[in-house]
Amino acid sequence: MFENLTERLQGVFSKLTGRGKLSEAEIDAAMREVRMALLEADVNFTVVKDFVARVRERAVGADVLRSLTPGQTVVKIVLDELTALMGTSESRLAFSGRVPNVVMLVGLQGSGKTTAAAKLANLVRKQGRRPLMVACDVYRPAAIEQLVTLGRELDIPVHRGEPGEDPVAIARAGVKEAVATMRDVVLIDTAGRLHVDEEMMAEAASIRDAVHPDQVLMVVDAMTGQDAVASASAFSERVDFDGVVVTKMDGDARGGAALSVRTVTGKPIKFVGTGEKLDALEPFHPDRMARRILGMGDVVSLIEKAQESVADAEAAELEKRIRSADFTLDDFLSQLQQVRKMGSLQDVLGMIPGLGRMDRSAMAEAGLDEGALDRTQAIILSMSAQERRKPQVINGQRRVRIARGSGTSVQEVNRLLDQFTQTKKLMRRMQSGKARFGGPKGMPF
């Protein structure tokens, strides 16, 4: 996400930071590079033009040119303007006192509406609500079956109409079912087309007028760049909507849609899809995203992900085991699996300030690649329960067996056991107050 743009912008600002003085010509040169970086990221031309003009106007002011750290001041200005570009604050789903609350999803075919409906249902259920999904896409082959399958996977009910039934009638019946079954949120998945046309707009407007949704969300595919922005603009004129869900952000290294859509449509981004899994939908925080784009990390989101991945009871039990020096390879594996729940290792590292630019080759060189995590897990799972509890019983013969069972080498098994021993020693030193910051070299996570 934003990989190319982040790399380009960090290259620009590395030339500015550290200098004791900046001239107006140097700022102009930097702004030209910023303009090119944004255009190459497929950001709307008008958006780029206005953004660069605002940054330059503030950057050539006396406060910057006379600052002791002018380069860092310019970066701060870019951060502020980038945040303002995407929205100054988080825009949440606004649930009213009405029961059920109705959320309607619109967008082009292939934008990911059906999957977004399921992800959103999963998200609101985690917030303590009881969602019902309604399948109103009667045109795309297997669209209804797709939503039913996702609902079954999540254990969330789906209302579907009879073959040939009018989508407006299906939407009305879905809301009635929600009332009858005491469901407090209805998510309506509407039909899309391959391009914006009158028929699609008219149907979406008819469903809106029939069920009076509390929120209408436009779903756009980040990978289509300016086409996504153009379709969102067309929908805002005819159907009107309250916010945008940007899907497939994990597959878009440019990010032009996310940076353009709010300015062009005037509507906030409410959620971003960051993966294929049904929990890979995140509320959109403009300030956090701006920091990630500039390679400053996103510690708040990292902490939130960690809290979601680790139950309070599990954390308390692990702390107890560490304090009693009863830390086993089962605990080691549990920690590894919790890290995996937080997302890919590259995404997690991207949230840590200073590590955002670490590419896959650098990660592999530091022993932090995804493959290392997989091999570590395979090695531990190839051990018996006794071996995981008491690694000291693992002799040479057992190491050969574990290596064969995990598809690794004896050297990798030895390395893991050495790392585990070092970790236990570090924990003992931490308990005695003698530990210094830093873990064993070559840790797999």
Protein backbone atom coordinates (compact mmCIF):
# COMPACT_ATOMS: atom_id res chain seq x y z
CA MET A 1 0.00 0.00 0.00
CA PHE A 2 1.50 3.34 -1.17
CA GLU A 3 4.86 1.56 -1.52
CA ASN A 4 6.01 3.45 -4.62
CA LEU A 5 4.82 6.83 -3.35
CA THR A 6 6.44 6.35 0.05
CA GLU A 7 9.77 5.49 -1.55
CA ARG A 8 9.67 8.52 -3.84
CA LEU A 9 8.69 10.99 -1.11
CA GLN A 10 11.30 9.69 1.31
CA GLY A 11 13.89 10.17 -1.41
CA VAL A 12 12.79 13.78 -1.86
CA PHE A 13 12.81 14.63 1.84
CA SER A 14 16.13 12.93 2.54
CA LYS A 15 17.69 15.70 0.44
CA LEU A 16 16.09 18.37 2.62
CA THR A 17 16.41 17.07 6.16
CA GLY A 18 19.64 17.71 7.99
CA ARG A 19 20.32 20.99 6.20
CA GLY A 20 20.78 24.11 8.26
CA LYS A 21 19.31 26.34 5.58
CA LEU A 22 16.97 25.98 2.60
CA SER A 23 16.61 28.38 -0.29
CA GLU A 24 13.39 29.04 -2.17
CA ALA A 25 14.92 27.40 -5.26
CA GLU A 26 15.63 24.20 -3.30
CA ILE A 27 12.04 24.09 -2.05
CA ASP A 28 10.77 24.60 -5.61
CA ALA A 29 12.94 21.71 -6.82
CA ALA A 30 11.59 19.49 -4.03
CA MET A 31 8.00 20.48 -4.89
CA ARG A 32 8.57 19.50 -8.54
CA GLU A 33 9.67 16.06 -7.39
CA VAL A 34 6.68 15.78 -5.04
CA ARG A 35 4.39 16.71 -7.94
CA MET A 36 5.87 14.00 -10.14
CA ALA A 37 5.68 11.43 -7.34
CA LEU A 38 1.98 12.13 -6.81
CA LEU A 39 1.18 12.05 -10.53
CA GLU A 40 3.02 8.74 -10.91
CA ALA A 41 0.92 7.45 -7.99
CA ASP A 42 -2.12 8.18 -10.19
CA VAL A 43 -3.41 11.01 -8.03
CA ASN A 44 -5.89 13.30 -9.79
CA PHE A 45 -4.07 16.14 -11.61
CA THR A 46 -6.18 18.94 -10.07
CA VAL A 47 -5.70 17.45 -6.61
CA VAL A 48 -1.93 17.35 -7.14
CA LYS A 49 -1.82 20.91 -8.42
CA ASP A 50 -3.74 22.33 -5.44
CA PHE A 51 -1.83 20.19 -2.92
CA VAL A 52 1.61 21.26 -4.15
CA ALA A 53 0.53 24.92 -4.28
CA ARG A 54 -0.61 24.81 -0.63
CA VAL A 55 2.59 23.09 0.52
CA ARG A 56 4.81 25.51 -1.38
CA GLU A 57 2.97 28.56 -0.04
CA ARG A 58 3.58 27.43 3.53
CA ALA A 59 7.10 26.10 2.87
CA VAL A 60 8.54 29.36 1.49
CA GLY A 61 7.29 31.33 4.49
CA ALA A 62 9.70 33.02 6.86
CA ASP A 63 9.02 30.47 9.61
CA VAL A 64 10.47 27.71 7.44
CA LEU A 65 13.34 29.53 5.76
CA ARG A 66 14.61 30.87 9.10
CA SER A 67 13.97 27.64 11.03
CA LEU A 68 16.88 25.76 12.60
CA THR A 69 15.51 22.56 11.00
CA PRO A 70 13.88 23.78 7.76
CA GLY A 71 13.85 20.32 6.12
CA GLN A 72 11.93 18.76 9.00
CA THR A 73 9.54 21.70 9.03
CA VAL A 74 8.77 21.11 5.35
CA VAL A 75 8.09 17.43 6.07
CA LYS A 76 5.70 18.49 8.86
CA ILE A 77 3.88 20.78 6.42
CA VAL A 78 3.54 17.93 3.91
CA LEU A 79 2.23 15.67 6.69
CA ASP A 80 -0.40 18.25 7.68
CA GLU A 81 -1.53 18.85 4.10
CA LEU A 82 -1.59 15.13 3.29
CA THR A 83 -3.80 14.53 6.32
CA ALA A 84 -6.11 17.38 5.26
CA LEU A 85 -6.24 15.93 1.74
CA MET A 86 -7.64 12.62 2.98
CA GLY A 87 -9.81 14.10 5.74
CA THR A 88 -8.83 15.82 8.95
CA SER A 89 -10.47 13.21 11.18
CA GLU A 90 -11.71 9.64 11.16
CA SER A 91 -15.23 9.25 9.73
CA ARG A 92 -17.09 6.44 11.47
CA LEU A 93 -20.32 4.66 10.58
CA ALA A 94 -23.03 6.80 12.15
CA PHE A 95 -25.66 4.51 13.66
CA SER A 96 -28.97 6.17 14.49
CA GLY A 97 -31.54 5.26 17.12
CA ARG A 98 -33.60 3.56 14.43
CA VAL A 99 -33.80 -0.25 14.53
CA PRO A 100 -32.69 -1.73 12.28
CA ASN A 101 -30.02 0.59 10.93
CA VAL A 102 -29.80 0.13 7.17
CA VAL A 103 -26.48 0.39 5.31
CA MET A 104 -26.59 0.22 1.51
CA LEU A 105 -23.51 -0.57 -0.60
CA VAL A 106 -23.26 0.69 -4.19
CA GLY A 107 -20.52 0.59 -6.82
CA LEU A 108 -19.36 -0.90 -10.08
CA GLN A 109 -19.20 -4.62 -10.75
CA GLY A 110 -15.87 -6.06 -9.66
CA SER A 111 -15.20 -3.34 -7.08
CA GLY A 112 -15.62 -5.84 -4.24
CA LYS A 113 -19.08 -4.86 -2.94
CA THR A 114 -20.16 -8.37 -1.95
CA THR A 115 -16.97 -9.13 -0.03
CA ALA A 116 -17.05 -5.63 1.50
CA ALA A 117 -20.62 -6.29 2.74
CA ALA A 118 -19.45 -9.48 4.48
CA LYS A 119 -16.38 -7.76 5.97
CA LEU A 120 -18.52 -4.89 7.21
CA ALA A 121 -21.03 -7.33 8.74
CA ASN A 122 -18.16 -9.05 10.52
CA LEU A 123 -16.84 -5.71 11.78
CA VAL A 124 -20.17 -4.46 13.20
CA ARG A 125 -20.77 -7.83 14.85
CA LYS A 126 -17.46 -7.41 16.72
CA GLN A 127 -18.91 -4.13 17.98
CA GLY A 128 -21.77 -6.03 19.59
CA ARG A 129 -24.40 -5.67 16.87
CA ARG A 130 -26.52 -8.34 15.15
CA PRO A 131 -26.23 -7.86 11.37
CA LEU A 132 -28.29 -9.29 8.51
CA MET A 133 -27.03 -9.20 4.91
CA VAL A 134 -29.43 -8.78 1.97
CA ALA A 135 -28.50 -10.05 -1.51
CA CYS A 136 -29.95 -7.63 -4.09
CA ASP A 137 -27.48 -8.33 -6.91
CA VAL A 138 -29.73 -10.52 -9.07
CA TYR A 139 -27.78 -9.97 -12.30
CA ARG A 140 -24.19 -11.10 -11.71
CA PRO A 141 -23.87 -14.88 -11.94
CA ALA A 142 -23.37 -16.48 -8.51
CA ALA A 143 -23.42 -13.12 -6.69
CA ILE A 144 -26.18 -14.29 -4.35
CA GLU A 145 -24.43 -17.62 -3.74
CA GLN A 146 -21.21 -15.77 -2.97
CA LEU A 147 -22.90 -13.69 -0.28
CA VAL A 148 -24.66 -16.77 1.16
CA THR A 149 -21.34 -18.63 1.30
CA LEU A 150 -19.65 -15.71 3.07
CA GLY A 151 -22.57 -15.46 5.47
CA ARG A 152 -22.29 -19.16 6.28
CA GLU A 153 -18.56 -18.78 6.90
CA LEU A 154 -19.20 -15.91 9.31
CA ASP A 155 -22.38 -17.42 10.77
CA ILE A 156 -24.32 -14.29 9.76
CA PRO A 157 -27.77 -14.72 8.12
CA VAL A 158 -28.43 -13.65 4.53
CA HIS A 159 -31.81 -12.71 3.09
CA ARG A 160 -32.24 -13.75 -0.54
CA GLY A 161 -35.23 -13.32 -2.81
CA GLU A 162 -36.96 -15.72 -5.15
CA PRO A 163 -35.60 -16.22 -8.71
CA GLY A 164 -36.64 -13.28 -10.87
CA GLU A 165 -37.79 -11.16 -7.90
CA ASP A 166 -37.35 -7.39 -8.15
CA PRO A 167 -34.29 -6.10 -6.20
CA VAL A 168 -36.39 -3.34 -4.61
CA ALA A 169 -38.83 -5.92 -3.24
CA ILE A 170 -35.92 -8.04 -1.97
CA ALA A 171 -34.50 -5.03 -0.10
CA ARG A 172 -37.89 -4.26 1.51
CA ALA A 173 -38.36 -7.90 2.52
CA GLY A 174 -34.84 -8.00 3.96
CA VAL A 175 -35.57 -5.06 6.27
CA LYS A 176 -38.84 -6.72 7.37
CA GLU A 177 -36.94 -9.96 8.14
CA ALA A 178 -34.44 -8.01 10.23
CA VAL A 179 -37.30 -6.55 12.28
CA ALA A 180 -38.89 -10.00 12.72
CA THR A 181 -35.62 -11.66 13.76
CA MET A 182 -34.40 -8.76 15.94
CA ARG A 183 -31.42 -7.90 13.77
CA ASP A 184 -30.25 -4.33 14.39
CA VAL A 185 -28.10 -3.73 11.27
CA VAL A 186 -29.07 -4.50 7.65
CA LEU A 187 -26.34 -4.49 4.98
CA ILE A 188 -27.73 -4.36 1.43
CA ASP A 189 -25.49 -5.59 -1.39
CA THR A 190 -26.75 -3.96 -4.60
CA ALA A 191 -25.99 -4.80 -8.22
CA GLY A 192 -23.22 -3.15 -10.19
CA ARG A 193 -22.32 -2.86 -13.85
CA LEU A 194 -19.02 -2.89 -15.70
CA HIS A 195 -19.42 0.85 -16.20
CA VAL A 196 -21.67 3.66 -14.99
CA ASP A 197 -25.05 3.51 -16.77
CA GLU A 198 -28.58 4.87 -16.33
CA GLU A 199 -30.15 1.50 -15.46
CA MET A 200 -27.78 0.87 -12.56
CA MET A 201 -28.24 4.39 -11.20
CA ALA A 202 -32.03 4.15 -11.42
CA GLU A 203 -32.13 0.81 -9.58
CA ALA A 204 -29.83 2.05 -6.82
CA ALA A 205 -31.98 5.17 -6.41
CA SER A 206 -35.16 3.05 -6.24
CA ILE A 207 -33.72 0.81 -3.49
CA ARG A 208 -32.58 3.91 -1.59
CA ASP A 209 -36.05 5.47 -1.82
CA ALA A 210 -37.72 2.20 -0.76
CA VAL A 211 -35.68 1.41 2.38
CA HIS A 212 -34.38 4.89 3.33
CA PRO A 213 -30.87 3.73 4.38
CA ASP A 214 -29.13 5.41 7.29
CA GLN A 215 -25.84 5.19 5.37
CA VAL A 216 -25.02 4.70 1.68
CA LEU A 217 -21.44 3.56 1.08
CA MET A 218 -19.73 3.69 -2.31
CA VAL A 219 -17.30 0.79 -2.83
CA VAL A 220 -14.34 1.52 -5.14
CA ASP A 221 -11.42 -0.62 -6.24
CA ALA A 222 -8.10 1.07 -5.39
CA MET A 223 -6.35 -0.73 -8.25
CA THR A 224 -8.46 1.06 -10.89
CA GLY A 225 -6.96 4.42 -9.90
CA GLN A 226 -8.66 7.42 -11.51
CA ASP A 227 -11.45 5.24 -12.94
CA ALA A 228 -12.52 4.61 -9.34
CA VAL A 229 -12.56 8.34 -8.66
CA ALA A 230 -14.57 9.03 -11.85
CA SER A 231 -17.21 6.42 -10.98
CA ALA A 232 -17.47 7.75 -7.42
CA SER A 233 -18.00 11.23 -8.79
CA ALA A 234 -20.80 9.98 -11.10
CA PHE A 235 -22.53 8.17 -8.24
CA SER A 236 -22.36 11.22 -5.99
CA GLU A 237 -24.31 13.22 -8.56
CA ARG A 238 -27.14 10.68 -9.02
CA VAL A 239 -27.46 8.44 -5.97
CA ASP A 240 -25.49 10.44 -3.42
CA PHE A 241 -23.64 8.55 -0.72
CA ASP A 242 -22.24 9.21 2.73
CA GLY A 243 -18.78 7.68 2.50
CA VAL A 244 -16.39 5.50 0.55
CA VAL A 245 -15.00 2.01 1.11
CA VAL A 246 -11.70 1.59 -0.77
CA THR A 247 -11.03 -2.10 -1.45
CA LYS A 248 -7.86 -3.93 -2.53
CA MET A 249 -5.55 -1.35 -0.95
CA ASP A 250 -3.04 -4.12 -0.25
CA GLY A 251 -2.68 -4.74 -3.99
CA ASP A 252 -2.17 -1.10 -4.99
CA ALA A 253 1.37 0.24 -4.61
CA ARG A 254 0.34 3.68 -5.95
CA GLY A 255 -2.64 4.85 -3.87
CA GLY A 256 -4.03 7.49 -6.25
CA ALA A 257 -7.67 6.61 -5.57
CA ALA A 258 -7.35 6.96 -1.80
CA LEU A 259 -5.61 10.32 -2.16
CA SER A 260 -8.05 11.73 -4.71
CA VAL A 261 -11.54 10.49 -3.88
CA ARG A 262 -12.32 12.76 -0.94
CA THR A 263 -11.30 15.96 -2.71
CA VAL A 264 -13.08 15.07 -5.95
CA THR A 265 -16.34 13.79 -4.42
CA GLY A 266 -16.38 15.66 -1.12
CA LYS A 267 -17.15 12.36 0.63
CA PRO A 268 -14.94 10.85 3.35
CA ILE A 269 -13.22 7.48 3.17
CA LYS A 270 -14.72 5.37 5.96
CA PHE A 271 -13.02 1.99 5.48
CA VAL A 272 -10.16 0.40 3.55
CA GLY A 273 -9.84 -3.25 2.58
CA THR A 274 -6.33 -4.51 3.33
CA GLY A 275 -6.50 -8.19 2.37
CA GLU A 276 -8.64 -11.11 1.27
CA LYS A 277 -9.56 -12.38 4.74
CA LEU A 278 -12.95 -11.42 6.13
CA ASP A 279 -11.37 -9.46 9.00
CA ALA A 280 -9.20 -7.41 6.63
CA LEU A 281 -11.31 -4.24 6.75
CA GLU A 282 -10.04 -1.27 8.75
CA PRO A 283 -11.53 2.10 9.70
CA PHE A 284 -9.72 4.80 7.73
CA HIS A 285 -7.63 7.19 9.83
CA PRO A 286 -6.30 10.04 7.61
CA ASP A 287 -3.61 11.13 10.09
CA ARG A 288 -2.27 7.59 10.55
CA MET A 289 -2.31 6.92 6.82
CA ALA A 290 -0.43 10.16 6.12
CA ARG A 291 2.29 9.12 8.58
CA ARG A 292 2.58 5.70 6.91
CA ILE A 293 2.83 7.30 3.45
CA LEU A 294 5.75 9.41 4.70
CA GLY A 295 7.42 6.38 6.29
CA MET A 296 6.83 7.59 9.84
CA GLY A 297 5.09 4.40 10.96
CA ASP A 298 1.75 3.96 12.65
CA VAL A 299 2.32 2.90 16.24
CA VAL A 300 -1.30 3.47 17.32
CA SER A 301 -2.65 1.03 14.72
CA LEU A 302 0.09 -1.45 15.64
CA ILE A 303 -0.97 -1.33 19.30
CA GLU A 304 -4.64 -1.76 18.34
CA LYS A 305 -3.82 -4.78 16.18
CA ALA A 306 -1.82 -6.30 19.01
CA GLN A 307 -4.70 -5.78 21.43
CA GLU A 308 -7.12 -7.42 19.00
CA SER A 309 -4.79 -10.39 18.49
CA VAL A 310 -4.07 -11.10 22.15
CA ALA A 311 -6.87 -11.85 24.59
CA ASP A 312 -6.45 -10.32 28.06
CA ALA A 313 -6.62 -13.77 29.70
CA GLU A 314 -3.93 -15.16 27.37
CA ALA A 315 -1.66 -12.18 28.02
CA ALA A 316 -2.07 -12.54 31.79
CA GLU A 317 -1.35 -16.28 31.67
CA LEU A 318 1.75 -15.72 29.52
CA GLU A 319 3.03 -13.02 31.87
CA LYS A 320 2.56 -15.42 34.78
CA ARG A 321 4.52 -18.16 32.99
CA ILE A 322 7.33 -15.76 32.11
CA ARG A 323 7.58 -14.57 35.70
CA SER A 324 7.83 -18.16 36.90
CA ALA A 325 10.49 -18.97 34.24
CA ASP A 326 8.10 -21.61 32.88
CA PHE A 327 8.24 -20.29 29.31
CA THR A 328 8.03 -23.22 26.84
CA LEU A 329 8.20 -23.73 23.09
CA ASP A 330 4.39 -23.88 23.15
CA ASP A 331 4.41 -20.30 24.45
CA PHE A 332 7.02 -19.43 21.82
CA LEU A 333 4.67 -20.81 19.13
CA SER A 334 1.68 -19.00 20.61
CA GLN A 335 3.53 -15.68 20.39
CA LEU A 336 4.47 -16.40 16.78
CA GLN A 337 0.86 -17.17 15.87
CA GLN A 338 -0.33 -13.94 17.51
CA VAL A 339 2.14 -11.98 15.41
CA ARG A 340 0.76 -13.71 12.30
CA LYS A 341 -2.79 -12.65 13.23
CA MET A 342 -1.71 -9.02 13.01
CA GLY A 343 -1.08 -9.34 9.27
CA SER A 344 1.93 -9.84 7.06
CA LEU A 345 5.32 -9.14 8.63
CA GLN A 346 5.99 -6.40 6.08
CA ASP A 347 2.73 -4.63 7.06
CA VAL A 348 3.60 -4.88 10.76
CA LEU A 349 7.11 -3.52 10.18
CA GLY A 350 5.64 -0.73 8.09
CA MET A 351 3.82 0.53 11.20
CA ILE A 352 7.08 0.81 13.15
CA PRO A 353 8.84 4.18 12.69
CA GLY A 354 12.09 3.79 10.78
CA LEU A 355 11.26 0.36 9.34
CA GLY A 356 8.71 1.42 6.74
CA ARG A 357 11.26 1.27 3.91
CA MET A 358 12.47 -2.23 4.70
CA ASP A 359 11.87 -4.31 1.55
CA ARG A 360 11.65 -8.08 1.28
CA SER A 361 15.36 -8.57 0.57
CA ALA A 362 16.33 -6.48 3.60
CA MET A 363 13.85 -8.42 5.73
CA ALA A 364 15.32 -11.74 4.56
CA GLU A 365 18.85 -10.53 5.28
CA ALA A 366 17.79 -9.62 8.83
CA GLY A 367 16.10 -13.00 9.28
CA LEU A 368 12.65 -11.38 9.29
CA ASP A 369 11.06 -12.86 6.16
CA GLU A 370 7.68 -14.61 6.16
CA GLY A 371 9.43 -17.87 5.24
CA ALA A 372 11.39 -17.78 8.51
CA LEU A 373 8.13 -17.55 10.44
CA ASP A 374 6.69 -20.50 8.52
CA ARG A 375 9.80 -22.62 9.11
CA THR A 376 9.85 -21.78 12.81
CA GLN A 377 6.22 -22.82 13.16
CA ALA A 378 6.81 -26.04 11.19
CA ILE A 379 9.79 -26.99 13.38
CA ILE A 380 7.89 -26.49 16.65
CA LEU A 381 4.83 -28.35 15.37
CA SER A 382 7.07 -31.28 14.38
CA MET A 383 8.11 -31.74 18.00
CA SER A 384 6.30 -33.94 20.49
CA ALA A 385 4.43 -32.39 23.44
CA GLN A 386 7.28 -33.45 25.76
CA GLU A 387 9.92 -31.88 23.49
CA ARG A 388 8.03 -28.58 23.40
CA ARG A 389 7.76 -28.55 27.20
CA LYS A 390 11.35 -29.70 27.82
CA PRO A 391 13.62 -28.85 24.84
CA GLN A 392 16.62 -30.18 26.77
CA VAL A 393 15.53 -33.76 25.91
CA ILE A 394 16.04 -33.08 22.18
CA ASN A 395 19.19 -35.01 21.31
CA GLY A 396 20.86 -35.46 17.94
CA GLN A 397 18.55 -38.22 16.77
CA ARG A 398 15.46 -36.24 17.69
CA ARG A 399 16.82 -33.18 15.86
CA VAL A 400 17.17 -35.23 12.66
CA ARG A 401 13.57 -36.46 13.04
CA ILE A 402 12.24 -32.92 13.67
CA ALA A 403 14.13 -31.56 10.65
CA ARG A 404 12.67 -34.25 8.39
CA GLY A 405 9.16 -33.74 9.77
CA SER A 406 9.28 -29.97 9.24
CA GLY A 407 11.01 -30.03 5.85
CA THR A 408 13.94 -28.04 7.22
CA SER A 409 17.56 -28.78 8.08
CA VAL A 410 19.19 -29.86 11.33
CA GLN A 411 21.05 -26.52 11.29
CA GLU A 412 17.73 -24.62 11.31
CA VAL A 413 16.45 -26.76 14.18
CA ASN A 414 19.66 -26.05 16.11
CA ARG A 415 19.33 -22.34 15.38
CA LEU A 416 15.78 -22.22 16.71
CA LEU A 417 16.71 -24.09 19.88
CA ASP A 418 19.64 -21.72 20.43
CA GLN A 419 17.34 -18.71 19.95
CA PHE A 420 14.84 -20.16 22.42
CA THR A 421 17.60 -20.72 25.01
CA GLN A 422 18.81 -17.14 24.55
CA THR A 423 15.24 -15.87 24.94
CA LYS A 424 14.82 -17.72 28.25
CA LYS A 425 18.13 -16.32 29.51
CA LEU A 426 17.02 -12.82 28.51
CA MET A 427 13.77 -13.28 30.42
CA ARG A 428 15.63 -14.39 33.55
CA ARG A 429 17.84 -11.30 33.30
CA MET A 430 14.75 -9.10 32.84
CA GLN A 431 13.28 -10.60 36.02
CA SER A 432 16.48 -9.79 37.89
CA GLY A 433 16.57 -6.27 36.43
CA LYS A 434 19.91 -6.83 34.66
CA ALA A 435 18.69 -7.10 31.08
CA ARG A 436 19.67 -4.53 28.49
CA PHE A 437 17.36 -3.61 25.65
CA GLY A 438 17.40 -5.92 22.62
CA GLY A 439 16.58 -9.53 21.90
CA PRO A 440 18.58 -12.46 20.57
CA LYS A 441 20.10 -11.87 17.15
CA GLY A 442 18.28 -13.56 14.28
CA MET A 443 14.95 -13.91 16.09
CA PRO A 444 12.25 -15.09 13.67
CA PHE A 445 9.89 -12.43 14.95
